Amino acid sequence: MLTETFKRLLPETPAFVYDQTAIDQILLRFKEATGESGPKLLYSVKSFPFLPLLRRIAPYVDGFSASSLFEAKLCAEALAGRGSLHITTPGFRPGEIEEIGRLCDFISFNSLGQFDRWAERVEGTASVGLRVNPQRSFLPDPRYDPCRPYSKLGVPLDHLAGAGRMERLQGLHFHTVFDCAGFGPLVETLAELENKLGEDLKRLRWINLGGGYRLDRELEHMAGLSTRLQHDYGLDVYFEPGKAVTGPAGYLVASVIDVFGSGGKTVAILDSSINHHPEVFEYQRSPRLAESCGEGEERAILAGATCLAGDLFGEYTLPVPPRIGDRLVFKDVGAYTLVKANRFNGHNLPSIYRWDGKVLYLEQSYGYQDYRQQWAGEPGRQ
């Protein structure tokens, strides 16, 4: 089993491992399933903006999707002139817009006000569009629902129709789901756009369907939608998955450093922390554990080593009682893990390793000097 290989080969923990072969297979499967008629594939870098990874997947994608100036600069370095660079964010800053215009090939402004203020300043170098809010919610949890009431994300579709901007727009961008198994919401969203905008869609050059969909099924359906948009409206179609690309390929490996009883339950303290995987705390859900078993009598609460009382990965059923020195592996944590990780309590970040199918390579490690640099109060020092 792959997770057993990681536990055996890693010299120390905590460690984050990403499986390059798995990422390559995901991207190749998408291209094979959608074919020439499928949408142009962008990787949404916010899920895992690791430069060595970006450089390796650049040949497999048509470009990258960024959400800030820093992400755009990193993407431009990784692309090195290959593929296109797209950006949308609620937070365009006046002092950054010219540089963003030079770096990015496509810019989707988040509001009509942004478009009116800044579109002319970038139209000579970038293709200009708007992010729209189709006003259709598909998620029960408003914390990550882009179309929640009073959403900050995109121009409400009702406001765009008749706003007098369509003749100046070159494209539209939308994003409505998170970790969605099927493309039903995309079908509904496109129907809403066509109903509200009609023939105005033919004025555009491109449409960005966003991301948030898994890539393990119904990819032929995605190809069909793309073909229809190209045929009916003459649009270039873009699709920008993030978590779907890196999520299944990431592993967080930790070691048990203490075990004790508390109120009749077993608690195992790990040398990692939910601060290395903050979505555990944000969304109050337990990550998948490779060692967990459906049957078994041993249960243990797996806890991080910080002083935060809620630093808990969850309670798991294990085949044997946890022991000091055991290594445990959390699966499917390749997205939104390290990009949100922090050094709370001075606990070091996990080292980053790449698995190429045969060898485990150390690609990034951290130490006290990294922690000190963050808090040393030395202006301008990098």
Protein backbone atom coordinates (compact mmCIF):
# COMPACT_ATOMS: atom_id res chain seq x y z
CA MET A 1 0.00 0.00 0.00
CA LEU A 2 1.26 3.46 -0.91
CA THR A 3 0.70 4.93 2.54
CA GLU A 4 2.82 2.17 4.09
CA THR A 5 5.59 3.07 1.65
CA PHE A 6 5.46 6.69 2.77
CA LYS A 7 5.61 5.72 6.45
CA ARG A 8 8.62 3.50 5.79
CA LEU A 9 10.59 5.92 3.62
CA LEU A 10 10.05 9.22 5.41
CA PRO A 11 13.04 10.15 7.60
CA GLU A 12 10.88 12.30 9.90
CA THR A 13 7.41 13.68 10.47
CA PRO A 14 5.24 15.67 10.15
CA ALA A 15 5.45 15.49 6.39
CA PHE A 16 3.24 16.41 3.49
CA VAL A 17 3.55 14.12 0.47
CA TYR A 18 2.06 14.79 -2.94
CA ASP A 19 1.85 12.04 -5.53
CA GLN A 20 3.00 13.53 -8.83
CA THR A 21 1.96 10.44 -10.77
CA ALA A 22 -1.60 10.72 -9.47
CA ILE A 23 -1.81 14.39 -10.48
CA ASP A 24 -0.48 13.60 -13.95
CA GLN A 25 -3.07 10.84 -14.35
CA ILE A 26 -5.94 13.13 -13.32
CA LEU A 27 -4.94 15.75 -15.88
CA LEU A 28 -4.37 13.23 -18.66
CA ARG A 29 -7.68 11.51 -17.94
CA PHE A 30 -9.50 14.84 -18.27
CA LYS A 31 -7.85 15.58 -21.61
CA GLU A 32 -8.54 12.09 -22.94
CA ALA A 33 -12.18 12.10 -21.81
CA THR A 34 -13.04 15.56 -23.12
CA GLY A 35 -10.95 15.45 -26.30
CA GLU A 36 -10.55 18.31 -28.74
CA SER A 37 -14.09 19.54 -28.06
CA GLY A 38 -13.56 19.86 -24.33
CA PRO A 39 -12.88 23.09 -22.47
CA LYS A 40 -9.41 24.51 -22.12
CA LEU A 41 -8.05 23.30 -18.79
CA LEU A 42 -6.68 25.72 -16.21
CA TYR A 43 -5.27 24.74 -12.83
CA SER A 44 -6.63 26.92 -10.02
CA VAL A 45 -3.44 27.44 -8.07
CA LYS A 46 -5.02 28.60 -4.80
CA SER A 47 -5.49 24.98 -3.72
CA PHE A 48 -1.74 24.26 -3.72
CA PRO A 49 0.49 27.03 -5.17
CA PHE A 50 3.75 25.09 -4.97
CA LEU A 51 6.18 26.28 -7.63
CA PRO A 52 7.86 22.91 -8.33
CA LEU A 53 4.40 21.39 -8.87
CA LEU A 54 3.28 24.28 -11.10
CA ARG A 55 6.32 23.82 -13.31
CA ARG A 56 5.66 20.10 -13.65
CA ILE A 57 1.99 20.36 -14.56
CA ALA A 58 2.36 23.36 -16.91
CA PRO A 59 2.76 21.09 -19.98
CA TYR A 60 -0.45 19.22 -19.10
CA VAL A 61 -2.74 22.27 -18.84
CA ASP A 62 -3.71 25.24 -21.00
CA GLY A 63 -2.81 27.71 -18.27
CA PHE A 64 -3.33 28.73 -14.66
CA SER A 65 -6.00 30.59 -12.73
CA ALA A 66 -4.85 33.02 -10.03
CA SER A 67 -6.62 35.04 -7.33
CA SER A 68 -4.03 37.67 -6.40
CA LEU A 69 -0.96 39.49 -7.66
CA PHE A 70 1.40 37.17 -5.80
CA GLU A 71 -0.29 34.07 -7.23
CA ALA A 72 -0.14 35.63 -10.70
CA LYS A 73 3.58 36.32 -10.38
CA LEU A 74 4.22 32.74 -9.27
CA CYS A 75 2.11 31.40 -12.15
CA ALA A 76 3.92 33.57 -14.69
CA GLU A 77 7.24 32.22 -13.46
CA ALA A 78 6.01 28.64 -13.75
CA LEU A 79 4.43 29.09 -17.18
CA ALA A 80 7.52 30.81 -18.64
CA GLY A 81 5.54 31.96 -21.65
CA ARG A 82 3.53 28.74 -22.14
CA GLY A 83 -0.25 28.81 -21.74
CA SER A 84 -2.52 31.60 -20.56
CA LEU A 85 -2.91 33.22 -17.15
CA HIS A 86 -6.36 34.13 -15.82
CA ILE A 87 -7.27 36.09 -12.70
CA THR A 88 -10.38 37.00 -10.75
CA THR A 89 -10.56 38.28 -7.20
CA PRO A 90 -12.81 40.49 -5.07
CA GLY A 91 -9.70 42.40 -4.00
CA PHE A 92 -8.05 44.15 -6.93
CA ARG A 93 -5.89 46.95 -5.50
CA PRO A 94 -5.28 50.23 -7.33
CA GLY A 95 -1.51 50.01 -6.93
CA GLU A 96 -1.40 46.53 -8.48
CA ILE A 97 -3.73 46.72 -11.45
CA GLU A 98 -1.12 47.73 -14.06
CA GLU A 99 1.19 44.88 -13.08
CA ILE A 100 -1.71 42.45 -13.11
CA GLY A 101 -2.60 43.70 -16.57
CA ARG A 102 0.94 43.00 -17.78
CA LEU A 103 1.09 39.54 -16.21
CA CYS A 104 -2.39 38.19 -16.94
CA ASP A 105 -3.98 37.36 -20.27
CA PHE A 106 -7.54 37.32 -18.91
CA ILE A 107 -8.98 39.49 -16.13
CA SER A 108 -12.48 38.98 -14.71
CA PHE A 109 -13.51 41.94 -12.58
CA ASN A 110 -15.70 41.16 -9.59
CA SER A 111 -18.04 44.16 -9.75
CA LEU A 112 -19.39 46.70 -12.22
CA GLY A 113 -17.56 49.39 -10.24
CA GLN A 114 -14.21 47.64 -10.66
CA PHE A 115 -14.87 47.21 -14.34
CA ASP A 116 -15.71 50.88 -14.79
CA ARG A 117 -12.64 52.04 -12.83
CA TRP A 118 -9.97 49.76 -14.24
CA ALA A 119 -10.98 48.05 -17.48
CA GLU A 120 -9.50 50.77 -19.70
CA ARG A 121 -6.17 50.51 -17.88
CA VAL A 122 -5.69 46.86 -18.85
CA GLU A 123 -7.65 46.47 -22.10
CA GLY A 124 -4.52 46.87 -24.20
CA THR A 125 -2.76 43.90 -22.61
CA ALA A 126 -5.49 41.61 -21.21
CA SER A 127 -8.86 40.27 -22.31
CA VAL A 128 -11.40 41.84 -19.98
CA GLY A 129 -14.44 40.14 -18.47
CA LEU A 130 -16.71 40.06 -15.45
CA ARG A 131 -17.32 37.50 -12.77
CA VAL A 132 -21.07 36.99 -12.49
CA ASN A 133 -23.20 35.56 -9.70
CA PRO A 134 -25.86 33.37 -11.38
CA GLN A 135 -27.91 33.64 -8.15
CA ARG A 136 -28.45 29.90 -7.91
CA SER A 137 -27.25 28.19 -4.73
CA PHE A 138 -26.27 24.53 -4.72
CA LEU A 139 -24.48 24.34 -1.34
CA PRO A 140 -26.12 23.98 2.07
CA ASP A 141 -23.23 25.59 3.96
CA PRO A 142 -23.03 29.35 3.31
CA ARG A 143 -19.38 29.49 4.40
CA TYR A 144 -18.28 28.27 1.00
CA ASP A 145 -21.34 29.00 -1.14
CA PRO A 146 -20.34 31.62 -3.76
CA CYS A 147 -24.03 32.35 -4.41
CA ARG A 148 -25.08 32.80 -0.80
CA PRO A 149 -27.40 35.71 0.05
CA TYR A 150 -25.59 39.06 -0.11
CA SER A 151 -22.61 37.37 -1.77
CA LYS A 152 -19.45 39.36 -2.34
CA LEU A 153 -18.51 37.16 -5.30
CA GLY A 154 -19.51 38.44 -8.70
CA VAL A 155 -22.07 40.73 -10.31
CA PRO A 156 -25.61 39.44 -9.71
CA LEU A 157 -26.93 38.22 -13.04
CA ASP A 158 -30.02 40.40 -12.64
CA HIS A 159 -27.75 43.47 -12.45
CA LEU A 160 -25.74 42.57 -15.54
CA ALA A 161 -28.65 42.17 -17.92
CA GLY A 162 -29.37 45.64 -19.26
CA ALA A 163 -26.40 47.26 -17.50
CA GLY A 164 -24.95 48.47 -20.79
CA ARG A 165 -21.57 46.73 -20.45
CA MET A 166 -22.05 43.71 -22.70
CA GLU A 167 -20.68 45.48 -25.79
CA ARG A 168 -17.39 46.10 -23.94
CA LEU A 169 -17.08 42.69 -22.30
CA GLN A 170 -14.98 39.97 -23.87
CA GLY A 171 -15.88 37.23 -21.41
CA LEU A 172 -17.75 36.00 -18.35
CA HIS A 173 -16.58 33.96 -15.38
CA PHE A 174 -18.69 32.18 -12.78
CA HIS A 175 -18.19 29.67 -9.98
CA THR A 176 -21.13 28.13 -8.09
CA VAL A 177 -20.12 24.88 -6.37
CA PHE A 178 -17.55 23.17 -4.16
CA ASP A 179 -16.44 19.52 -4.38
CA CYS A 180 -19.45 18.61 -6.53
CA ALA A 181 -19.75 15.02 -7.77
CA GLY A 182 -21.82 15.68 -10.90
CA PHE A 183 -22.27 18.42 -13.50
CA GLY A 184 -25.99 18.98 -12.89
CA PRO A 185 -25.43 22.40 -11.25
CA LEU A 186 -23.37 23.48 -14.26
CA VAL A 187 -26.24 22.59 -16.60
CA GLU A 188 -28.67 24.63 -14.47
CA THR A 189 -26.28 27.57 -14.25
CA LEU A 190 -25.72 27.71 -18.00
CA ALA A 191 -29.47 27.56 -18.58
CA GLU A 192 -29.87 30.56 -16.26
CA LEU A 193 -27.21 32.52 -18.14
CA GLU A 194 -28.78 31.75 -21.49
CA ASN A 195 -32.22 32.69 -20.22
CA LYS A 196 -31.06 36.04 -18.82
CA LEU A 197 -28.47 37.06 -21.43
CA GLY A 198 -29.71 35.32 -24.57
CA GLU A 199 -28.13 36.59 -27.77
CA ASP A 200 -25.79 38.84 -25.78
CA LEU A 201 -23.65 35.75 -25.21
CA LYS A 202 -22.70 35.89 -28.90
CA ARG A 203 -20.97 39.22 -28.25
CA LEU A 204 -18.42 37.47 -26.03
CA ARG A 205 -15.20 35.71 -26.93
CA TRP A 206 -14.88 33.39 -23.93
CA ILE A 207 -16.59 31.94 -20.89
CA ASN A 208 -14.94 30.51 -17.76
CA LEU A 209 -17.04 27.81 -16.07
CA GLY A 210 -15.06 28.00 -12.82
CA GLY A 211 -14.23 24.89 -10.83
CA GLY A 212 -15.53 23.03 -7.80
CA TYR A 213 -16.36 19.81 -9.67
CA ARG A 214 -14.72 16.44 -9.18
CA LEU A 215 -12.98 14.91 -12.16
CA ASP A 216 -13.70 11.25 -11.53
CA ARG A 217 -16.96 10.94 -13.51
CA GLU A 218 -19.21 12.43 -16.21
CA LEU A 219 -16.33 14.09 -18.06
CA GLU A 220 -17.98 13.32 -21.40
CA HIS A 221 -20.90 15.46 -20.20
CA MET A 222 -18.48 18.33 -19.67
CA ALA A 223 -17.21 17.87 -23.22
CA GLY A 224 -20.77 18.03 -24.55
CA LEU A 225 -21.50 21.29 -22.72
CA SER A 226 -18.31 22.81 -24.05
CA THR A 227 -19.09 21.76 -27.61
CA ARG A 228 -22.54 23.34 -27.44
CA LEU A 229 -21.20 26.65 -26.11
CA GLN A 230 -18.63 26.74 -28.88
CA HIS A 231 -21.21 25.91 -31.55
CA ASP A 232 -24.11 28.08 -30.36
CA TYR A 233 -22.20 31.17 -29.26
CA GLY A 234 -18.71 30.92 -30.74
CA LEU A 235 -17.14 30.94 -27.27
CA ASP A 236 -13.75 29.72 -26.11
CA VAL A 237 -14.56 27.66 -23.01
CA TYR A 238 -12.34 27.45 -19.92
CA PHE A 239 -12.62 25.22 -16.86
CA GLU A 240 -10.48 25.73 -13.73
CA PRO A 241 -10.42 22.86 -11.22
CA GLY A 242 -8.15 23.11 -8.19
CA LYS A 243 -8.99 20.66 -5.44
CA ALA A 244 -10.04 18.07 -8.02
CA VAL A 245 -6.47 18.05 -9.36
CA THR A 246 -4.40 18.02 -6.17
CA GLY A 247 -6.82 16.93 -3.44
CA PRO A 248 -6.77 13.14 -4.04
CA ALA A 249 -2.97 13.21 -4.45
CA GLY A 250 -1.97 14.66 -1.06
CA TYR A 251 -1.08 12.95 2.23
CA LEU A 252 -0.26 14.28 5.69
CA VAL A 253 1.94 11.87 7.66
CA ALA A 254 2.24 12.27 11.44
CA SER A 255 3.70 10.31 14.35
CA VAL A 256 2.13 9.48 17.70
CA ILE A 257 4.15 11.17 20.45
CA ASP A 258 1.92 10.42 23.45
CA VAL A 259 -1.04 8.21 24.40
CA PHE A 260 -3.23 8.49 27.49
CA GLY A 261 -6.74 8.02 28.78
CA SER A 262 -9.20 10.88 29.26
CA GLY A 263 -12.73 10.35 30.58
CA GLY A 264 -12.75 6.75 29.47
CA LYS A 265 -11.43 7.39 25.96
CA THR A 266 -7.97 6.99 24.46
CA VAL A 267 -6.25 10.16 23.26
CA ALA A 268 -3.25 9.98 20.95
CA ILE A 269 -1.19 13.15 20.55
CA LEU A 270 0.39 13.60 17.12
CA ASP A 271 3.45 15.63 16.15
CA SER A 272 1.24 17.41 13.61
CA SER A 273 -1.74 19.69 14.21
CA ILE A 274 -4.97 20.78 12.60
CA ASN A 275 -3.05 24.02 12.09
CA HIS A 276 -1.30 22.03 9.37
CA HIS A 277 -4.77 21.27 7.92
CA PRO A 278 -6.95 24.21 9.01
CA GLU A 279 -10.06 23.12 7.12
CA VAL A 280 -10.54 20.44 9.81
CA PHE A 281 -11.30 23.22 12.29
CA GLU A 282 -13.01 25.53 9.79
CA TYR A 283 -15.55 22.97 8.66
CA GLN A 284 -15.55 20.67 11.70
CA ARG A 285 -14.92 17.53 9.70
CA SER A 286 -12.44 14.73 10.14
CA PRO A 287 -9.98 13.94 7.33
CA ARG A 288 -9.77 10.40 5.97
CA LEU A 289 -7.28 8.23 7.86
CA ALA A 290 -5.54 5.42 5.99
CA GLU A 291 -5.34 3.25 9.11
CA SER A 292 -9.00 3.63 10.07
CA CYS A 293 -11.09 0.49 9.78
CA GLY A 294 -14.84 -0.05 9.72
CA GLU A 295 -14.58 -2.97 12.10
CA GLY A 296 -12.54 -3.03 15.26
CA GLU A 297 -12.83 -2.38 18.93
CA GLU A 298 -10.04 0.13 19.34
CA ARG A 299 -11.09 3.77 19.18
CA ALA A 300 -8.88 6.78 19.73
CA ILE A 301 -9.15 10.54 19.54
CA LEU A 302 -6.32 11.82 17.36
CA ALA A 303 -5.21 15.22 18.61
CA GLY A 304 -2.66 17.79 17.54
CA ALA A 305 0.20 18.89 19.75
CA THR A 306 -0.78 22.55 20.20
CA CYS A 307 -2.47 24.05 23.26
CA LEU A 308 -5.71 24.69 21.35
CA ALA A 309 -8.38 22.54 23.01
CA GLY A 310 -10.08 21.98 19.66
CA ASP A 311 -6.90 20.80 17.96
CA LEU A 312 -8.56 17.46 17.16
CA PHE A 313 -8.52 15.50 13.93
CA GLY A 314 -11.38 13.33 15.15
CA GLU A 315 -12.15 9.98 16.76
CA TYR A 316 -11.22 6.94 14.68
CA THR A 317 -11.63 3.18 14.84
CA LEU A 318 -8.24 1.50 14.59
CA PRO A 319 -7.19 -2.13 14.15
CA VAL A 320 -4.85 -1.93 17.17
CA PRO A 321 -4.38 0.55 20.02
CA PRO A 322 -2.16 3.49 19.03
CA ARG A 323 1.38 3.39 20.39
CA ILE A 324 4.06 6.01 20.74
CA GLY A 325 6.11 6.03 17.55
CA ASP A 326 3.30 4.84 15.29
CA ARG A 327 2.94 6.73 12.03
CA LEU A 328 -0.52 7.64 10.74
CA VAL A 329 -1.50 8.98 7.32
CA PHE A 330 -4.35 11.34 6.48
CA LYS A 331 -5.48 10.94 2.86
CA ASP A 332 -7.00 13.24 0.22
CA VAL A 333 -5.49 16.36 1.79
CA GLY A 334 -3.64 17.73 -1.23
CA ALA A 335 -5.78 20.87 -1.50
CA TYR A 336 -6.14 23.82 0.90
CA THR A 337 -3.84 22.15 3.43
CA LEU A 338 -0.36 23.67 3.26
CA VAL A 339 -1.61 26.90 1.69
CA LYS A 340 -3.54 27.57 4.93
CA ALA A 341 -1.08 25.95 7.33
CA ASN A 342 0.51 27.98 10.12
CA ARG A 343 3.11 27.70 12.89
CA PHE A 344 0.80 28.29 15.86
CA ASN A 345 2.61 27.66 19.16
CA GLY A 346 5.88 27.63 17.22
CA HIS A 347 5.25 24.16 15.82
CA ASN A 348 7.19 23.66 12.61
CA LEU A 349 5.44 23.23 9.28
CA PRO A 350 5.53 19.80 7.62
CA SER A 351 8.31 19.14 5.17
CA ILE A 352 7.11 18.71 1.57
CA TYR A 353 7.92 15.53 -0.35
CA ARG A 354 7.14 14.46 -3.91
CA TRP A 355 6.44 10.87 -4.88
CA ASP A 356 7.21 10.01 -8.51
CA GLY A 357 6.00 6.42 -8.36
CA LYS A 358 9.37 5.04 -7.31
CA VAL A 359 11.28 7.57 -5.21
CA LEU A 360 10.33 10.02 -2.45
CA TYR A 361 12.03 13.40 -2.95
CA LEU A 362 12.37 16.10 -0.29
CA GLU A 363 11.36 19.39 -1.97
CA GLN A 364 10.93 21.81 0.94
CA SER A 365 11.79 21.80 4.61
CA TYR A 366 11.52 24.40 7.37
CA GLY A 367 13.40 25.20 10.54
CA TYR A 368 13.77 27.69 13.33
CA GLN A 369 15.19 30.39 11.04
CA ASP A 370 11.97 30.36 9.00
CA TYR A 371 9.94 30.81 12.17
CA ARG A 372 12.28 33.53 13.45
CA GLN A 373 12.20 35.41 10.14
CA GLN A 374 8.42 35.63 10.36
CA TRP A 375 8.51 37.21 13.83
CA ALA A 376 11.91 38.92 13.99
CA GLY A 377 10.59 42.40 13.22
CA GLU A 378 13.28 43.18 10.66
CA PRO A 379 11.70 45.36 7.93
CA GLY A 380 12.49 44.50 4.34
CA ARG A 381 14.34 41.31 5.14
CA GLN A 382 13.23 38.32 3.08
